[in-house]
Amino acid sequence: MVEAHNAWTLRFPAVNAVVFGQVLEGPLRVDRADGQQFDLGPGDFMLMAAPPSWTAQPPGGGQTTAFQSYIDEPTCLLSADPCPKITRFLAGYFVFAAENADLLTNLMLPLIQVHADQVAAGRLGILLQLLGEEAGVSRPGRALVLDRLLEITLVEVLRQNQSGMDTLRHGLLEGLRHPQISIALKLMHNDAKYPWTVSELARRSGMSRSAFAARFSDTVGTPPIDYLAGWRMSLAKSALVSGTEPMSDIAELAGYQSVSAFSTAFSRAVGCAPTVFSRQFQSSALG
């Protein structure tokens, strides 16, 4: 929970995570390093996937304070003014498993805004209220409750009807909402090692090849075979990190007939050999 008085600007660093926030009191402007700006009012909610550095401030802004400085000294944005202009907002972030953070954040919508009336009318408002209450007190099991509430809140935001949101581009969730594209996505997710082609995916989805390829790219944000390759590598990375499956099984899971072909493709996609990737994550887990 952030509370700030009068004129101020809070600067947040770029993160490979999903950042969320809800304004509780006062108007707020978000200004991103990529040039995107938007305003939030009391009750409005926003979610940003892997955002660049950004600032939050009331209209007009004020002296800039780094977020880490605020964490170190939460009273630095408060004023002795007996009647200050108060801004309060709830903020947090979701971090995915490191081996697949890029895939998840790239396929999610980069920005979601939910207006206050939509928040209040649904379960999201109840979840955010519970989050705020839990974050504001110290009770036994607080960390566990916050973790579960955060997970449920993320799912609730992502499952909401598109009409209740302002979004900046399509992604995986939009693809899952599409009646025909969702068929192809489910086929690839359920059997990633099958030698899928655009033609077969189109046929199974009830579309022509050209129409399917164009609609998939427009809806999901990447061509179907590129999406499949990314999903296979995501599964392979998870298997490598677990360290419980032989390399031949992981290669087959990723759709390759041989370990050498898989190793070449993995190195090209990830930047290092599968064995090196596995050792790096297992070492960091032990450390």
C-alpha atoms as a PDB file:
ATOM      1  CA  MET A   1       0.000   0.000   0.000  1.00  0.00           C
ATOM      2  CA  VAL A   2       1.467   3.363  -1.045  1.00  0.00           C
ATOM      3  CA  GLU A   3       0.362   6.670   0.454  1.00  0.00           C
ATOM      4  CA  ALA A   4       1.733   9.975  -0.821  1.00  0.00           C
ATOM      5  CA  HIS A   5       0.891  13.607  -0.127  1.00  0.00           C
ATOM      6  CA  ASN A   6       0.722  16.711  -2.312  1.00  0.00           C
ATOM      7  CA  ALA A   7       3.254  16.876  -5.215  1.00  0.00           C
ATOM      8  CA  TRP A   8       5.406  13.801  -5.835  1.00  0.00           C
ATOM      9  CA  THR A   9       6.604  11.347  -8.483  1.00  0.00           C
ATOM     10  CA  LEU A  10       7.501   7.715  -7.795  1.00  0.00           C
ATOM     11  CA  ARG A  11       9.807   5.984 -10.285  1.00  0.00           C
ATOM     12  CA  PHE A  12       9.587   2.200 -10.780  1.00  0.00           C
ATOM     13  CA  PRO A  13      12.289   0.136 -12.551  1.00  0.00           C
ATOM     14  CA  ALA A  14      11.708  -2.084 -15.580  1.00  0.00           C
ATOM     15  CA  VAL A  15      10.905  -5.641 -14.469  1.00  0.00           C
ATOM     16  CA  ASN A  16      10.318  -8.979 -16.183  1.00  0.00           C
ATOM     17  CA  ALA A  17       7.181  -9.540 -14.128  1.00  0.00           C
ATOM     18  CA  VAL A  18       3.488  -8.681 -14.186  1.00  0.00           C
ATOM     19  CA  VAL A  19       2.835  -5.464 -12.254  1.00  0.00           C
ATOM     20  CA  PHE A  20      -0.605  -4.515 -10.966  1.00  0.00           C
ATOM     21  CA  GLY A  21      -2.137  -1.630  -9.070  1.00  0.00           C
ATOM     22  CA  GLN A  22      -5.420  -0.118  -7.959  1.00  0.00           C
ATOM     23  CA  VAL A  23      -6.001   3.509  -7.062  1.00  0.00           C
ATOM     24  CA  LEU A  24      -7.764   3.868  -3.716  1.00  0.00           C
ATOM     25  CA  GLU A  25      -7.769   7.653  -3.346  1.00  0.00           C
ATOM     26  CA  GLY A  26      -6.888  10.578  -5.603  1.00  0.00           C
ATOM     27  CA  PRO A  27      -6.150  10.741  -9.353  1.00  0.00           C
ATOM     28  CA  LEU A  28      -3.003   9.072 -10.673  1.00  0.00           C
ATOM     29  CA  ARG A  29      -1.071   9.293 -13.943  1.00  0.00           C
ATOM     30  CA  VAL A  30       1.159   6.488 -15.204  1.00  0.00           C
ATOM     31  CA  ASP A  31       3.948   7.527 -17.582  1.00  0.00           C
ATOM     32  CA  ARG A  32       5.980   4.711 -19.162  1.00  0.00           C
ATOM     33  CA  ALA A  33       9.448   4.957 -20.675  1.00  0.00           C
ATOM     34  CA  ASP A  34       8.040   3.665 -23.986  1.00  0.00           C
ATOM     35  CA  GLY A  35       5.887   6.796 -24.290  1.00  0.00           C
ATOM     36  CA  GLN A  36       2.560   5.316 -23.171  1.00  0.00           C
ATOM     37  CA  GLN A  37       0.589   7.400 -20.686  1.00  0.00           C
ATOM     38  CA  PHE A  38      -2.758   6.833 -19.028  1.00  0.00           C
ATOM     39  CA  ASP A  39      -4.775   8.224 -16.145  1.00  0.00           C
ATOM     40  CA  LEU A  40      -6.413   6.282 -13.337  1.00  0.00           C
ATOM     41  CA  GLY A  41      -9.088   7.410 -10.921  1.00  0.00           C
ATOM     42  CA  PRO A  42     -10.259   6.023  -7.572  1.00  0.00           C
ATOM     43  CA  GLY A  43     -11.186   2.370  -7.950  1.00  0.00           C
ATOM     44  CA  ASP A  44      -9.486   1.910 -11.341  1.00  0.00           C
ATOM     45  CA  PHE A  45      -7.219  -1.124 -11.764  1.00  0.00           C
ATOM     46  CA  MET A  46      -4.283  -1.692 -14.114  1.00  0.00           C
ATOM     47  CA  LEU A  47      -1.993  -4.598 -14.957  1.00  0.00           C
ATOM     48  CA  MET A  48       1.239  -4.368 -17.005  1.00  0.00           C
ATOM     49  CA  ALA A  49       3.254  -7.340 -18.269  1.00  0.00           C
ATOM     50  CA  ALA A  50       7.048  -6.849 -18.295  1.00  0.00           C
ATOM     51  CA  PRO A  51       6.770  -3.055 -18.301  1.00  0.00           C
ATOM     52  CA  PRO A  52       9.661  -0.706 -19.039  1.00  0.00           C
ATOM     53  CA  SER A  53      10.563   1.779 -16.317  1.00  0.00           C
ATOM     54  CA  TRP A  54       7.593   3.945 -15.399  1.00  0.00           C
ATOM     55  CA  THR A  55       6.474   6.653 -13.037  1.00  0.00           C
ATOM     56  CA  ALA A  56       3.324   7.282 -11.037  1.00  0.00           C
ATOM     57  CA  GLN A  57       2.311  10.761  -9.952  1.00  0.00           C
ATOM     58  CA  PRO A  58      -0.707  12.982  -9.273  1.00  0.00           C
ATOM     59  CA  PRO A  59      -1.558  15.693 -11.834  1.00  0.00           C
ATOM     60  CA  GLY A  60       1.465  17.957 -12.169  1.00  0.00           C
ATOM     61  CA  GLY A  61       3.828  15.523 -10.478  1.00  0.00           C
ATOM     62  CA  GLY A  62       6.627  16.570  -8.174  1.00  0.00           C
ATOM     63  CA  GLN A  63      10.122  15.619  -7.052  1.00  0.00           C
ATOM     64  CA  THR A  64      11.048  12.133  -8.263  1.00  0.00           C
ATOM     65  CA  THR A  65      11.716   9.382  -5.727  1.00  0.00           C
ATOM     66  CA  ALA A  66      12.999   5.925  -6.670  1.00  0.00           C
ATOM     67  CA  PHE A  67      10.708   3.117  -5.570  1.00  0.00           C
ATOM     68  CA  GLN A  68      13.532   1.451  -3.647  1.00  0.00           C
ATOM     69  CA  SER A  69      13.988   4.651  -1.650  1.00  0.00           C
ATOM     70  CA  TYR A  70      10.298   4.538  -0.790  1.00  0.00           C
ATOM     71  CA  ILE A  71      10.656   0.881   0.306  1.00  0.00           C
ATOM     72  CA  ASP A  72      13.588   1.868   2.529  1.00  0.00           C
ATOM     73  CA  GLU A  73      11.693   4.827   4.015  1.00  0.00           C
ATOM     74  CA  PRO A  74       7.900   4.613   3.457  1.00  0.00           C
ATOM     75  CA  THR A  75       7.271   7.994   5.093  1.00  0.00           C
ATOM     76  CA  CYS A  76       9.372   9.883   2.532  1.00  0.00           C
ATOM     77  CA  LEU A  77       6.283  10.816   0.472  1.00  0.00           C
ATOM     78  CA  LEU A  78       4.253  12.049   3.435  1.00  0.00           C
ATOM     79  CA  SER A  79       3.822  15.695   4.405  1.00  0.00           C
ATOM     80  CA  ALA A  80       3.433  17.584   7.668  1.00  0.00           C
ATOM     81  CA  ASP A  81       0.705  19.625   5.981  1.00  0.00           C
ATOM     82  CA  PRO A  82      -2.438  19.282   8.170  1.00  0.00           C
ATOM     83  CA  CYS A  83      -4.657  19.061   5.064  1.00  0.00           C
ATOM     84  CA  PRO A  84      -2.574  17.379   2.336  1.00  0.00           C
ATOM     85  CA  LYS A  85      -3.772  16.169  -1.047  1.00  0.00           C
ATOM     86  CA  ILE A  86      -3.679  12.427  -0.479  1.00  0.00           C
ATOM     87  CA  THR A  87      -3.042   9.700  -3.045  1.00  0.00           C
ATOM     88  CA  ARG A  88      -3.261   6.062  -2.013  1.00  0.00           C
ATOM     89  CA  PHE A  89      -2.862   3.010  -4.192  1.00  0.00           C
ATOM     90  CA  LEU A  90      -2.356  -0.717  -3.835  1.00  0.00           C
ATOM     91  CA  ALA A  91       0.533  -2.107  -5.893  1.00  0.00           C
ATOM     92  CA  GLY A  92       2.245  -5.445  -6.352  1.00  0.00           C
ATOM     93  CA  TYR A  93       3.660  -7.837  -8.903  1.00  0.00           C
ATOM     94  CA  PHE A  94       3.591 -11.464 -10.020  1.00  0.00           C
ATOM     95  CA  VAL A  95       6.841 -13.273 -10.831  1.00  0.00           C
ATOM     96  CA  PHE A  96       6.682 -16.438 -12.922  1.00  0.00           C
ATOM     97  CA  ALA A  97       9.167 -19.308 -12.911  1.00  0.00           C
ATOM     98  CA  ALA A  98      12.389 -17.872 -14.277  1.00  0.00           C
ATOM     99  CA  GLU A  99      12.813 -20.450 -17.022  1.00  0.00           C
ATOM    100  CA  ASN A 100       9.540 -19.435 -18.676  1.00  0.00           C
ATOM    101  CA  ALA A 101       9.115 -15.805 -17.649  1.00  0.00           C
ATOM    102  CA  ASP A 102       9.780 -14.491 -21.159  1.00  0.00           C
ATOM    103  CA  LEU A 103       7.174 -16.722 -22.789  1.00  0.00           C
ATOM    104  CA  LEU A 104       4.467 -15.884 -20.281  1.00  0.00           C
ATOM    105  CA  THR A 105       4.996 -12.136 -20.164  1.00  0.00           C
ATOM    106  CA  ASN A 106       5.320 -11.859 -23.944  1.00  0.00           C
ATOM    107  CA  LEU A 107       2.075 -13.727 -24.574  1.00  0.00           C
ATOM    108  CA  MET A 108       0.067 -11.829 -21.986  1.00  0.00           C
ATOM    109  CA  LEU A 109      -1.546  -8.538 -22.816  1.00  0.00           C
ATOM    110  CA  PRO A 110       1.072  -5.865 -22.080  1.00  0.00           C
ATOM    111  CA  LEU A 111      -1.489  -3.537 -20.501  1.00  0.00           C
ATOM    112  CA  ILE A 112      -4.930  -4.108 -19.024  1.00  0.00           C
ATOM    113  CA  GLN A 113      -7.060  -1.398 -17.477  1.00  0.00           C
ATOM    114  CA  VAL A 114     -10.299  -2.170 -15.647  1.00  0.00           C
ATOM    115  CA  HIS A 115     -12.521   0.784 -14.817  1.00  0.00           C
ATOM    116  CA  ALA A 116     -13.771   1.305 -11.281  1.00  0.00           C
ATOM    117  CA  ASP A 117     -17.375   0.391 -12.089  1.00  0.00           C
ATOM    118  CA  GLN A 118     -16.254  -2.912 -13.610  1.00  0.00           C
ATOM    119  CA  VAL A 119     -14.029  -3.640 -10.596  1.00  0.00           C
ATOM    120  CA  ALA A 120     -16.798  -2.904  -8.111  1.00  0.00           C
ATOM    121  CA  ALA A 121     -19.394  -4.931 -10.001  1.00  0.00           C
ATOM    122  CA  GLY A 122     -17.417  -8.183 -10.006  1.00  0.00           C
ATOM    123  CA  ARG A 123     -15.332 -10.501  -7.875  1.00  0.00           C
ATOM    124  CA  LEU A 124     -12.172  -8.540  -8.651  1.00  0.00           C
ATOM    125  CA  GLY A 125     -13.312  -5.819  -6.265  1.00  0.00           C
ATOM    126  CA  ILE A 126     -13.773  -8.338  -3.451  1.00  0.00           C
ATOM    127  CA  LEU A 127     -10.343  -9.870  -4.070  1.00  0.00           C
ATOM    128  CA  LEU A 128      -8.624  -6.482  -4.120  1.00  0.00           C
ATOM    129  CA  GLN A 129     -10.366  -5.517  -0.891  1.00  0.00           C
ATOM    130  CA  LEU A 130      -9.112  -8.727   0.734  1.00  0.00           C
ATOM    131  CA  LEU A 131      -5.618  -8.058  -0.593  1.00  0.00           C
ATOM    132  CA  GLY A 132      -5.611  -4.570   0.847  1.00  0.00           C
ATOM    133  CA  GLU A 133      -6.853  -5.778   4.225  1.00  0.00           C
ATOM    134  CA  GLU A 134      -4.318  -8.607   4.404  1.00  0.00           C
ATOM    135  CA  ALA A 135      -1.422  -6.407   3.293  1.00  0.00           C
ATOM    136  CA  GLY A 136      -2.250  -3.802   5.922  1.00  0.00           C
ATOM    137  CA  VAL A 137      -1.975  -6.044   8.987  1.00  0.00           C
ATOM    138  CA  SER A 138       0.430  -8.609  10.403  1.00  0.00           C
ATOM    139  CA  ARG A 139      -1.345 -11.865  11.172  1.00  0.00           C
ATOM    140  CA  PRO A 140      -0.266 -15.521  11.300  1.00  0.00           C
ATOM    141  CA  GLY A 141      -0.142 -17.018   7.801  1.00  0.00           C
ATOM    142  CA  ARG A 142      -0.111 -13.564   6.171  1.00  0.00           C
ATOM    143  CA  ALA A 143       2.432 -14.489   3.475  1.00  0.00           C
ATOM    144  CA  LEU A 144       0.555 -17.667   2.519  1.00  0.00           C
ATOM    145  CA  VAL A 145      -2.786 -15.855   2.308  1.00  0.00           C
ATOM    146  CA  LEU A 146      -1.286 -13.043   0.215  1.00  0.00           C
ATOM    147  CA  ASP A 147       0.284 -15.527  -2.216  1.00  0.00           C
ATOM    148  CA  ARG A 148      -3.014 -17.324  -2.764  1.00  0.00           C
ATOM    149  CA  LEU A 149      -4.981 -14.092  -3.091  1.00  0.00           C
ATOM    150  CA  LEU A 150      -2.491 -12.776  -5.641  1.00  0.00           C
ATOM    151  CA  GLU A 151      -2.796 -15.932  -7.735  1.00  0.00           C
ATOM    152  CA  ILE A 152      -6.590 -15.802  -7.704  1.00  0.00           C
ATOM    153  CA  THR A 153      -6.560 -12.077  -8.476  1.00  0.00           C
ATOM    154  CA  LEU A 154      -4.385 -12.618 -11.556  1.00  0.00           C
ATOM    155  CA  VAL A 155      -6.687 -15.343 -12.856  1.00  0.00           C
ATOM    156  CA  GLU A 156      -9.761 -13.202 -12.203  1.00  0.00           C
ATOM    157  CA  VAL A 157      -8.287 -10.245 -14.112  1.00  0.00           C
ATOM    158  CA  LEU A 158      -7.339 -12.397 -17.079  1.00  0.00           C
ATOM    159  CA  ARG A 159     -10.664 -14.203 -17.315  1.00  0.00           C
ATOM    160  CA  GLN A 160     -12.795 -11.079 -17.377  1.00  0.00           C
ATOM    161  CA  ASN A 161     -14.817 -10.182 -20.418  1.00  0.00           C
ATOM    162  CA  GLN A 162     -12.875  -8.115 -22.944  1.00  0.00           C
ATOM    163  CA  SER A 163     -15.586  -5.476 -22.976  1.00  0.00           C
ATOM    164  CA  GLY A 164     -14.711  -4.509 -19.434  1.00  0.00           C
ATOM    165  CA  MET A 165     -11.105  -3.667 -20.317  1.00  0.00           C
ATOM    166  CA  ASP A 166      -8.940  -1.271 -22.271  1.00  0.00           C
ATOM    167  CA  THR A 167      -6.146  -3.252 -23.930  1.00  0.00           C
ATOM    168  CA  LEU A 168      -3.246  -2.381 -26.182  1.00  0.00           C
ATOM    169  CA  ARG A 169      -2.740  -5.578 -28.172  1.00  0.00           C
ATOM    170  CA  HIS A 170      -3.880  -9.143 -28.495  1.00  0.00           C
ATOM    171  CA  GLY A 171      -2.274 -12.185 -26.917  1.00  0.00           C
ATOM    172  CA  LEU A 172      -2.740 -15.752 -25.770  1.00  0.00           C
ATOM    173  CA  LEU A 173      -5.849 -15.000 -23.745  1.00  0.00           C
ATOM    174  CA  GLU A 174      -7.525 -13.342 -26.697  1.00  0.00           C
ATOM    175  CA  GLY A 175      -6.690 -16.445 -28.730  1.00  0.00           C
ATOM    176  CA  LEU A 176      -8.332 -18.667 -26.123  1.00  0.00           C
ATOM    177  CA  ARG A 177     -11.480 -16.534 -26.368  1.00  0.00           C
ATOM    178  CA  HIS A 178     -11.678 -17.010 -30.136  1.00  0.00           C
ATOM    179  CA  PRO A 179     -13.881 -20.065 -30.885  1.00  0.00           C
ATOM    180  CA  GLN A 180     -11.683 -21.416 -33.708  1.00  0.00           C
ATOM    181  CA  ILE A 181      -8.202 -20.253 -32.698  1.00  0.00           C
ATOM    182  CA  SER A 182      -8.783 -21.718 -29.226  1.00  0.00           C
ATOM    183  CA  ILE A 183      -9.187 -25.150 -30.838  1.00  0.00           C
ATOM    184  CA  ALA A 184      -5.705 -24.927 -32.360  1.00  0.00           C
ATOM    185  CA  LEU A 185      -4.193 -23.658 -29.116  1.00  0.00           C
ATOM    186  CA  LYS A 186      -5.703 -26.521 -27.139  1.00  0.00           C
ATOM    187  CA  LEU A 187      -4.454 -29.045 -29.703  1.00  0.00           C
ATOM    188  CA  MET A 188      -0.900 -27.712 -29.425  1.00  0.00           C
ATOM    189  CA  HIS A 189      -1.022 -27.538 -25.648  1.00  0.00           C
ATOM    190  CA  ASN A 190      -2.449 -31.025 -25.246  1.00  0.00           C
ATOM    191  CA  ASP A 191       0.025 -32.732 -27.615  1.00  0.00           C
ATOM    192  CA  ALA A 192       3.048 -30.517 -28.181  1.00  0.00           C
ATOM    193  CA  LYS A 193       5.236 -33.284 -29.629  1.00  0.00           C
ATOM    194  CA  TYR A 194       2.798 -34.066 -32.451  1.00  0.00           C
ATOM    195  CA  PRO A 195       4.158 -32.854 -35.847  1.00  0.00           C
ATOM    196  CA  TRP A 196       1.560 -30.133 -36.274  1.00  0.00           C
ATOM    197  CA  THR A 197       1.395 -28.197 -39.517  1.00  0.00           C
ATOM    198  CA  VAL A 198      -0.506 -25.020 -40.300  1.00  0.00           C
ATOM    199  CA  SER A 199      -2.681 -26.972 -42.731  1.00  0.00           C
ATOM    200  CA  GLU A 200      -3.724 -29.561 -40.160  1.00  0.00           C
ATOM    201  CA  LEU A 201      -4.329 -27.016 -37.434  1.00  0.00           C
ATOM    202  CA  ALA A 202      -6.452 -25.008 -39.875  1.00  0.00           C
ATOM    203  CA  ARG A 203      -8.440 -28.093 -40.880  1.00  0.00           C
ATOM    204  CA  ARG A 204      -9.055 -29.091 -37.269  1.00  0.00           C
ATOM    205  CA  SER A 205     -10.152 -25.529 -36.513  1.00  0.00           C
ATOM    206  CA  GLY A 206     -12.597 -25.453 -39.422  1.00  0.00           C
ATOM    207  CA  MET A 207     -10.797 -22.721 -41.380  1.00  0.00           C
ATOM    208  CA  SER A 208      -8.866 -22.395 -44.601  1.00  0.00           C
ATOM    209  CA  ARG A 209      -5.082 -22.426 -44.246  1.00  0.00           C
ATOM    210  CA  SER A 210      -4.607 -18.788 -45.232  1.00  0.00           C
ATOM    211  CA  ALA A 211      -7.482 -17.498 -43.104  1.00  0.00           C
ATOM    212  CA  PHE A 212      -6.304 -19.510 -40.101  1.00  0.00           C
ATOM    213  CA  ALA A 213      -2.677 -18.352 -40.379  1.00  0.00           C
ATOM    214  CA  ALA A 214      -3.707 -14.700 -40.661  1.00  0.00           C
ATOM    215  CA  ARG A 215      -6.283 -14.851 -37.858  1.00  0.00           C
ATOM    216  CA  PHE A 216      -3.937 -16.735 -35.507  1.00  0.00           C
ATOM    217  CA  SER A 217      -1.126 -14.218 -36.012  1.00  0.00           C
ATOM    218  CA  ASP A 218      -3.489 -11.273 -35.590  1.00  0.00           C
ATOM    219  CA  THR A 219      -5.178 -12.701 -32.493  1.00  0.00           C
ATOM    220  CA  VAL A 220      -2.275 -14.305 -30.613  1.00  0.00           C
ATOM    221  CA  GLY A 221       0.449 -11.994 -31.876  1.00  0.00           C
ATOM    222  CA  THR A 222       2.714 -14.649 -33.392  1.00  0.00           C
ATOM    223  CA  PRO A 223       2.409 -17.175 -36.275  1.00  0.00           C
ATOM    224  CA  PRO A 224       1.081 -20.619 -35.266  1.00  0.00           C
ATOM    225  CA  ILE A 225       4.303 -22.561 -35.887  1.00  0.00           C
ATOM    226  CA  ASP A 226       6.351 -19.948 -34.018  1.00  0.00           C
ATOM    227  CA  TYR A 227       3.921 -20.207 -31.129  1.00  0.00           C
ATOM    228  CA  LEU A 228       4.229 -23.997 -31.183  1.00  0.00           C
ATOM    229  CA  ALA A 229       8.030 -23.782 -31.156  1.00  0.00           C
ATOM    230  CA  GLY A 230       7.921 -21.420 -28.186  1.00  0.00           C
ATOM    231  CA  TRP A 231       5.510 -23.664 -26.299  1.00  0.00           C
ATOM    232  CA  ARG A 232       7.704 -26.698 -26.932  1.00  0.00           C
ATOM    233  CA  MET A 233      10.776 -24.861 -25.663  1.00  0.00           C
ATOM    234  CA  SER A 234       8.805 -23.768 -22.604  1.00  0.00           C
ATOM    235  CA  LEU A 235       7.971 -27.393 -21.814  1.00  0.00           C
ATOM    236  CA  ALA A 236      11.581 -28.417 -22.466  1.00  0.00           C
ATOM    237  CA  LYS A 237      12.929 -25.740 -20.121  1.00  0.00           C
ATOM    238  CA  SER A 238      10.573 -26.849 -17.357  1.00  0.00           C
ATOM    239  CA  ALA A 239      11.655 -30.462 -17.821  1.00  0.00           C
ATOM    240  CA  LEU A 240      15.337 -29.493 -17.818  1.00  0.00           C
ATOM    241  CA  VAL A 241      14.952 -27.524 -14.606  1.00  0.00           C
ATOM    242  CA  SER A 242      13.188 -30.421 -12.868  1.00  0.00           C
ATOM    243  CA  GLY A 243      16.110 -32.684 -13.807  1.00  0.00           C
ATOM    244  CA  THR A 244      13.997 -35.853 -13.643  1.00  0.00           C
ATOM    245  CA  GLU A 245      13.661 -36.786 -17.327  1.00  0.00           C
ATOM    246  CA  PRO A 246      16.322 -38.161 -19.697  1.00  0.00           C
ATOM    247  CA  MET A 247      17.416 -35.856 -22.509  1.00  0.00           C
ATOM    248  CA  SER A 248      15.921 -38.164 -25.137  1.00  0.00           C
ATOM    249  CA  ASP A 249      12.455 -37.809 -23.577  1.00  0.00           C
ATOM    250  CA  ILE A 250      12.813 -34.034 -23.368  1.00  0.00           C
ATOM    251  CA  ALA A 251      13.852 -33.910 -27.028  1.00  0.00           C
ATOM    252  CA  GLU A 252      10.770 -35.940 -27.976  1.00  0.00           C
ATOM    253  CA  LEU A 253       8.568 -33.693 -25.828  1.00  0.00           C
ATOM    254  CA  ALA A 254       9.888 -30.706 -27.784  1.00  0.00           C
ATOM    255  CA  GLY A 255       9.036 -32.401 -31.095  1.00  0.00           C
ATOM    256  CA  TYR A 256      12.531 -33.522 -32.146  1.00  0.00           C
ATOM    257  CA  GLN A 257      13.578 -36.949 -33.346  1.00  0.00           C
ATOM    258  CA  SER A 258      17.085 -36.793 -31.886  1.00  0.00           C
ATOM    259  CA  VAL A 259      18.905 -35.244 -28.943  1.00  0.00           C
ATOM    260  CA  SER A 260      21.381 -33.541 -31.272  1.00  0.00           C
ATOM    261  CA  ALA A 261      18.627 -31.837 -33.300  1.00  0.00           C
ATOM    262  CA  PHE A 262      16.934 -30.718 -30.094  1.00  0.00           C
ATOM    263  CA  SER A 263      20.200 -29.435 -28.642  1.00  0.00           C
ATOM    264  CA  THR A 264      20.884 -27.382 -31.772  1.00  0.00           C
ATOM    265  CA  ALA A 265      17.399 -25.884 -31.797  1.00  0.00           C
ATOM    266  CA  PHE A 266      17.462 -25.206 -28.048  1.00  0.00           C
ATOM    267  CA  SER A 267      20.845 -23.476 -28.240  1.00  0.00           C
ATOM    268  CA  ARG A 268      19.604 -21.309 -31.106  1.00  0.00           C
ATOM    269  CA  ALA A 269      16.421 -20.342 -29.238  1.00  0.00           C
ATOM    270  CA  VAL A 270      17.761 -19.946 -25.702  1.00  0.00           C
ATOM    271  CA  GLY A 271      21.423 -19.072 -26.245  1.00  0.00           C
ATOM    272  CA  CYS A 272      23.007 -22.045 -24.486  1.00  0.00           C
ATOM    273  CA  ALA A 273      22.989 -25.842 -24.658  1.00  0.00           C
ATOM    274  CA  PRO A 274      20.266 -27.756 -22.743  1.00  0.00           C
ATOM    275  CA  THR A 275      22.811 -29.222 -20.307  1.00  0.00           C
ATOM    276  CA  VAL A 276      24.223 -25.776 -19.540  1.00  0.00           C
ATOM    277  CA  PHE A 277      20.716 -24.368 -19.034  1.00  0.00           C
ATOM    278  CA  SER A 278      19.848 -27.192 -16.653  1.00  0.00           C
ATOM    279  CA  ARG A 279      23.029 -26.759 -14.606  1.00  0.00           C
ATOM    280  CA  GLN A 280      22.531 -23.003 -14.328  1.00  0.00           C
ATOM    281  CA  PHE A 281      19.030 -23.270 -12.877  1.00  0.00           C
ATOM    282  CA  GLN A 282      19.826 -26.181 -10.608  1.00  0.00           C
ATOM    283  CA  SER A 283      22.858 -24.304  -9.256  1.00  0.00           C
ATOM    284  CA  SER A 284      20.815 -21.157  -8.614  1.00  0.00           C
ATOM    285  CA  ALA A 285      18.182 -23.231  -6.808  1.00  0.00           C
ATOM    286  CA  LEU A 286      20.842 -24.738  -4.538  1.00  0.00           C
ATOM    287  CA  GLY A 287      22.439 -21.339  -3.964  1.00  0.00           C
END
